[in-house]
Amino acid sequence: MADQATSSQTAAQERPKGGSRAVILIAGAIVLAATFVIVWLQSSKYEPLVVGKEAPDFALTDLNEKPYRLSDFRGKVVFLNFWATWCAPCREEMPSMEVLNKNFEKDGLVILAVSIDRVTTAKDIPPFVKGLNLTFPVLLDSWGKTDKPYKRMGVPETFIIDQQGIIREIVIGPKDWTRVDNLKTLTTLLNVTPKTAQGSSGAVPGSNGGGL
């Protein structure tokens, strides 16, 4: 009888331990699952922008504090360029963008040049724009509003966006936008033929034929 009582007491003592072990395992599984979900959600936020995705909307102002919102240009082809005054390739690229603007603005092209200059170099933007005689909108992003949504690799970087707000081409680095072979996406979206876009030398009218 004493042995049976001892066995019963031992079993009674072991049952809670087994139950506690099961609770610990379940709690651990829940923590692991929650961690996986959090990591997955965080990683999904940093998926790179690719061709075929909708361009993230943003609201910025120009040098005269005029507000611009990307979504206001639905129905037009948007040439969205990110640049900075301290970026030498940006300076080289800008004149060909001005040629692009003059030649295709009437066809529905909108060029938005977003400066990522921070507060310390923002003062250099007006003389930069004036020195190159730029006529397209230059927007200010001194506080990095577009940094996360556009996940840029650097500057210059250009996103060509169609009339529905979908990204159709991403260009990392500078290009000579007076060259017809660089305009395939734009001319297709604008529904203009290469013959319309080029002069006798194979360059956009107004260029010198061999780039800038």
Protein backbone atom coordinates (compact mmCIF):
# COMPACT_ATOMS: atom_id res chain seq x y z
CA MET A 1 0.00 0.00 0.00
CA ALA A 2 2.85 2.35 0.88
CA ASP A 3 4.46 1.65 -2.50
CA GLN A 4 1.19 2.40 -4.33
CA ALA A 5 0.79 5.67 -2.40
CA THR A 6 4.36 6.64 -3.24
CA SER A 7 3.81 5.80 -6.92
CA SER A 8 0.63 7.89 -6.99
CA GLN A 9 2.40 10.83 -5.41
CA THR A 10 5.28 10.52 -7.88
CA ALA A 11 2.90 10.38 -10.85
CA ALA A 12 0.98 13.35 -9.51
CA GLN A 13 4.22 15.32 -9.23
CA GLU A 14 5.36 14.39 -12.75
CA ARG A 15 2.08 15.28 -14.50
CA PRO A 16 2.42 19.04 -13.91
CA LYS A 17 5.98 18.92 -15.16
CA GLY A 18 4.86 17.31 -18.40
CA GLY A 19 2.08 19.86 -18.74
CA SER A 20 4.50 22.72 -18.10
CA ARG A 21 6.85 21.36 -20.74
CA ALA A 22 4.03 21.29 -23.27
CA VAL A 23 3.06 24.88 -22.42
CA ILE A 24 6.69 25.98 -22.86
CA LEU A 25 6.91 24.24 -26.25
CA ILE A 26 3.67 25.83 -27.43
CA ALA A 27 4.78 29.26 -26.22
CA GLY A 28 8.11 28.82 -28.00
CA ALA A 29 6.36 27.87 -31.22
CA ILE A 30 4.15 30.96 -30.99
CA VAL A 31 7.18 33.20 -30.44
CA LEU A 32 8.97 31.67 -33.42
CA ALA A 33 5.89 32.08 -35.61
CA ALA A 34 5.47 35.69 -34.52
CA THR A 35 9.14 36.39 -35.21
CA PHE A 36 8.85 34.86 -38.68
CA VAL A 37 5.78 36.99 -39.47
CA ILE A 38 7.51 40.18 -38.28
CA VAL A 39 10.66 39.46 -40.30
CA TRP A 40 8.58 38.63 -43.38
CA LEU A 41 6.56 41.82 -43.07
CA GLN A 42 9.70 43.90 -42.63
CA SER A 43 11.42 42.31 -45.62
CA SER A 44 8.36 42.82 -47.81
CA LYS A 45 8.55 46.55 -47.12
CA TYR A 46 11.99 46.68 -48.69
CA GLU A 47 11.21 44.89 -51.91
CA PRO A 48 12.96 46.82 -54.67
CA LEU A 49 10.92 48.79 -57.16
CA VAL A 50 10.83 47.02 -60.51
CA VAL A 51 9.36 47.66 -63.93
CA GLY A 52 5.64 46.90 -63.89
CA LYS A 53 5.00 48.22 -60.37
CA GLU A 54 3.04 51.36 -59.59
CA ALA A 55 5.25 54.36 -58.90
CA PRO A 56 4.90 55.44 -55.25
CA ASP A 57 3.06 58.72 -54.91
CA PHE A 58 4.68 61.71 -53.23
CA ALA A 59 4.09 65.40 -52.62
CA LEU A 60 6.94 67.93 -52.84
CA THR A 61 7.38 71.61 -53.62
CA ASP A 62 9.53 73.40 -56.17
CA LEU A 63 11.93 76.29 -55.66
CA ASN A 64 8.97 78.69 -55.51
CA GLU A 65 7.16 76.50 -52.96
CA LYS A 66 4.61 75.44 -55.55
CA PRO A 67 3.23 72.00 -54.56
CA TYR A 68 3.51 69.01 -56.88
CA ARG A 69 2.02 65.55 -56.45
CA LEU A 70 3.06 62.69 -58.73
CA SER A 71 -0.48 61.32 -59.01
CA ASP A 72 -1.67 64.66 -60.44
CA PHE A 73 0.08 63.75 -63.68
CA ARG A 74 -1.93 60.63 -64.48
CA GLY A 75 -2.66 60.62 -68.18
CA LYS A 76 0.84 61.88 -69.00
CA VAL A 77 4.20 60.17 -69.33
CA VAL A 78 6.42 61.17 -66.40
CA PHE A 79 10.20 61.29 -66.57
CA LEU A 80 11.08 61.20 -62.85
CA ASN A 81 14.73 61.97 -62.26
CA PHE A 82 16.54 61.98 -58.90
CA TRP A 83 19.69 64.11 -58.73
CA ALA A 84 21.89 66.30 -56.51
CA THR A 85 24.02 69.41 -57.02
CA TRP A 86 27.16 67.59 -55.84
CA CYS A 87 26.67 64.83 -58.44
CA ALA A 88 28.91 65.43 -61.48
CA PRO A 89 27.10 62.88 -63.73
CA CYS A 90 23.82 64.64 -62.88
CA ARG A 91 25.25 67.92 -64.18
CA GLU A 92 26.34 66.17 -67.37
CA GLU A 93 22.91 64.60 -67.88
CA MET A 94 20.74 67.67 -67.21
CA PRO A 95 21.27 69.52 -70.54
CA SER A 96 20.03 66.50 -72.50
CA MET A 97 16.99 66.38 -70.22
CA GLU A 98 16.31 70.01 -71.11
CA VAL A 99 16.43 69.07 -74.82
CA LEU A 100 14.06 66.20 -74.07
CA ASN A 101 11.65 68.54 -72.32
CA LYS A 102 11.60 71.05 -75.18
CA ASN A 103 11.04 68.38 -77.81
CA PHE A 104 8.40 66.22 -76.11
CA GLU A 105 6.51 68.43 -73.65
CA LYS A 106 3.90 69.10 -76.33
CA ASP A 107 3.45 65.34 -76.77
CA GLY A 108 2.50 64.81 -73.12
CA LEU A 109 5.88 64.34 -71.44
CA VAL A 110 6.37 65.72 -67.92
CA ILE A 111 9.86 65.92 -66.47
CA LEU A 112 10.13 66.08 -62.68
CA ALA A 113 13.67 66.49 -61.37
CA VAL A 114 13.79 65.74 -57.64
CA SER A 115 16.81 67.11 -55.83
CA ILE A 116 17.92 64.97 -52.90
CA ASP A 117 20.21 67.72 -51.61
CA ARG A 118 19.88 67.91 -47.85
CA VAL A 119 19.60 71.13 -45.89
CA THR A 120 23.36 71.77 -45.98
CA THR A 121 23.55 71.88 -49.80
CA ALA A 122 20.02 73.06 -50.65
CA LYS A 123 21.38 76.59 -51.13
CA ASP A 124 23.28 75.35 -54.19
CA ILE A 125 20.13 74.32 -56.08
CA PRO A 126 18.96 77.73 -57.43
CA PRO A 127 22.36 78.64 -58.98
CA PHE A 128 22.63 75.11 -60.39
CA VAL A 129 19.24 75.41 -62.10
CA LYS A 130 19.92 78.94 -63.33
CA GLY A 131 23.37 78.04 -64.62
CA LEU A 132 21.96 75.27 -66.83
CA ASN A 133 18.84 77.23 -67.86
CA LEU A 134 16.53 74.40 -66.82
CA THR A 135 12.85 74.98 -67.56
CA PHE A 136 11.30 71.76 -66.20
CA PRO A 137 10.07 71.52 -62.58
CA VAL A 138 12.81 71.02 -60.01
CA LEU A 139 11.43 69.62 -56.76
CA LEU A 140 13.04 69.64 -53.33
CA ASP A 141 13.36 66.59 -51.09
CA SER A 142 15.68 67.87 -48.38
CA TRP A 143 14.11 65.59 -45.76
CA GLY A 144 14.31 62.37 -47.76
CA LYS A 145 10.59 61.72 -48.24
CA THR A 146 11.25 59.67 -51.38
CA ASP A 147 14.22 57.70 -50.04
CA LYS A 148 12.37 54.64 -48.73
CA PRO A 149 9.56 54.36 -51.29
CA TYR A 150 11.95 54.62 -54.27
CA LYS A 151 14.87 52.64 -52.78
CA ARG A 152 17.36 54.37 -55.03
CA MET A 153 20.77 52.93 -55.82
CA GLY A 154 22.23 56.43 -56.07
CA VAL A 155 22.03 59.48 -58.32
CA PRO A 156 21.24 60.14 -61.02
CA GLU A 157 18.44 57.61 -61.26
CA THR A 158 15.43 57.90 -63.56
CA PHE A 159 12.00 56.26 -63.50
CA ILE A 160 9.92 56.45 -66.67
CA ILE A 161 6.27 56.20 -65.68
CA ASP A 162 3.37 55.61 -68.04
CA GLN A 163 -0.03 57.31 -68.22
CA GLN A 164 -1.49 54.89 -65.64
CA GLY A 165 1.27 55.51 -63.10
CA ILE A 166 3.16 52.26 -63.83
CA ILE A 167 6.96 52.18 -63.99
CA ARG A 168 8.06 51.20 -67.50
CA GLU A 169 11.80 51.75 -67.29
CA ILE A 170 14.38 52.32 -64.55
CA VAL A 171 17.68 53.89 -65.52
CA ILE A 172 20.52 53.83 -63.00
CA GLY A 173 23.21 56.34 -63.84
CA PRO A 174 23.32 59.12 -66.46
CA LYS A 175 22.21 58.88 -70.07
CA ASP A 176 22.43 61.14 -73.07
CA TRP A 177 18.73 61.76 -73.71
CA THR A 178 19.45 63.32 -77.10
CA ARG A 179 20.22 59.87 -78.51
CA VAL A 180 17.31 58.09 -80.17
CA ASP A 181 18.46 54.67 -78.97
CA ASN A 182 17.91 55.86 -75.39
CA LEU A 183 14.35 56.98 -76.13
CA LYS A 184 12.64 53.72 -77.11
CA THR A 185 10.44 53.51 -74.01
CA LEU A 186 9.55 57.20 -74.11
CA THR A 187 8.71 57.34 -77.81
CA THR A 188 6.57 54.22 -77.49
CA LEU A 189 4.60 55.59 -74.54
CA LEU A 190 4.22 59.00 -76.19
CA ASN A 191 3.19 57.35 -79.45
CA VAL A 192 5.71 59.29 -81.49
CA THR A 193 7.81 57.60 -84.14
CA PRO A 194 11.61 57.55 -84.08
CA LYS A 195 11.49 59.52 -87.34
CA THR A 196 9.67 62.29 -85.49
CA ALA A 197 12.16 62.16 -82.66
CA GLN A 198 15.33 62.20 -84.72
CA GLY A 199 17.05 64.55 -87.06
CA SER A 200 19.10 63.66 -90.09
CA SER A 201 22.07 62.74 -87.90
CA GLY A 202 20.10 60.31 -85.75
CA ALA A 203 19.76 62.62 -82.76
CA VAL A 204 16.84 64.47 -81.27
CA PRO A 205 16.26 67.83 -82.98
CA GLY A 206 18.16 70.53 -81.17
CA SER A 207 21.08 68.26 -80.24
CA ASN A 208 24.46 68.16 -81.95
CA GLY A 209 24.01 64.60 -83.19
CA GLY A 210 26.76 63.03 -81.14
CA GLY A 211 25.36 63.68 -77.70
CA LEU A 212 26.09 66.77 -75.67
